[in-house]
Amino acid sequence: MLVNPVKLFKKAQKGGYAIGAFNTSNVEITKAIIEKAEELKSPVIIETSEGEMESAGANIVAAEVKELARGSKIPIVLHLDHGKSFEAVREAVRAGYTSVHIDGSDLTFNENVELTKAVREYAHYNDVAVEGEIGHISGKSAHHKDERLVIEKKNLTSPKKAEEFVVKTKVDILAISIGNIHGIYAEDPKLDFKRLLEIRELVRKPFSLHGGSGIPKNQVMRAIEMGIVKVNVNTELRMAFKEGIMHEFDLHPDEVVPYKYLPAGAEAVSRVVEQKIRLFGSVDKA
């Protein structure tokens, strides 16, 4: 069933676990994510970036997920990840997304507040949940083998600004920057748990952790213990899908039928999804 995630976040807060938010860019990946979540009886969030949404088409993505969710007994959320404009949010909502992330972190604080407020009013009117972002989460969703990413302190979430932002915008969940980065880099990030604790003391909202692919397991677990209820995973899925297909071509180099080699990518994605769901603690929480 396709749902608004607000109640799921509250349940996760009380239960001390997080829900995996997995990016998709085709139906094979989407099916792999949902089928594994069903097997593990876990709630799940299917999300697309603006680029992924535009590539497939918002209406097509929504139609796929709606159809797959129709016969499912687990709660499934369809989420726009890092929407940068009101127009992108409107496209997602009209297509049938049940949750949107408006990322105004590149704007001034006041501009971010105004954009997020406008999105919240529009989305809530349409029974769609809203994730806001304060602070800036650096990096790109890719495997940067030898590249080191410097995280500037000015990009980290200010606890007091987070409090002000949530009071003014009334978002349902807040994406925070505590040393997490998008993608996988040469050095593991080190999450600022002191900052997370300070934010949690001031902000009574669920928190979202982006960059779940590159964060060490022990840090993810500790972040969940401290209030994270949503963890985003994208890069690891992309890598798994590619590697699964490449391995299949190594075995069968002359294969040209997509439905014969694409399942290998989906199977690799499925293995990553299972690892993450178990790590996040959401097994049997559907």
Foldseek 3Di string as FASTA:
>chain_A
DEAACLVVLVVLQVVLFAAEEEEDQDLLQVCLLVVLCLVLVFEHEYEYELVSCVNCPLLNVLVSVCVVCVPGPHYYFYEYDADAALVSLVRNVVSPGQEYEHEPQVPPLVVQLVRLQVSCVVNVVSNHAYEYEYFAAADDLEAAQADDDDDDPRRFGDLVSLLVSCVRRVHQEYEGHQQAHHYAYNDATDGNVVRLLSNVVRDPHAYEYENQVRHDLVVLSVSSNSGHHYYYDYNQLVVLLVVQLVVVCVVVVPDDDCVVRNNSSSVSSSVVSNVVCVSRPRRSVD
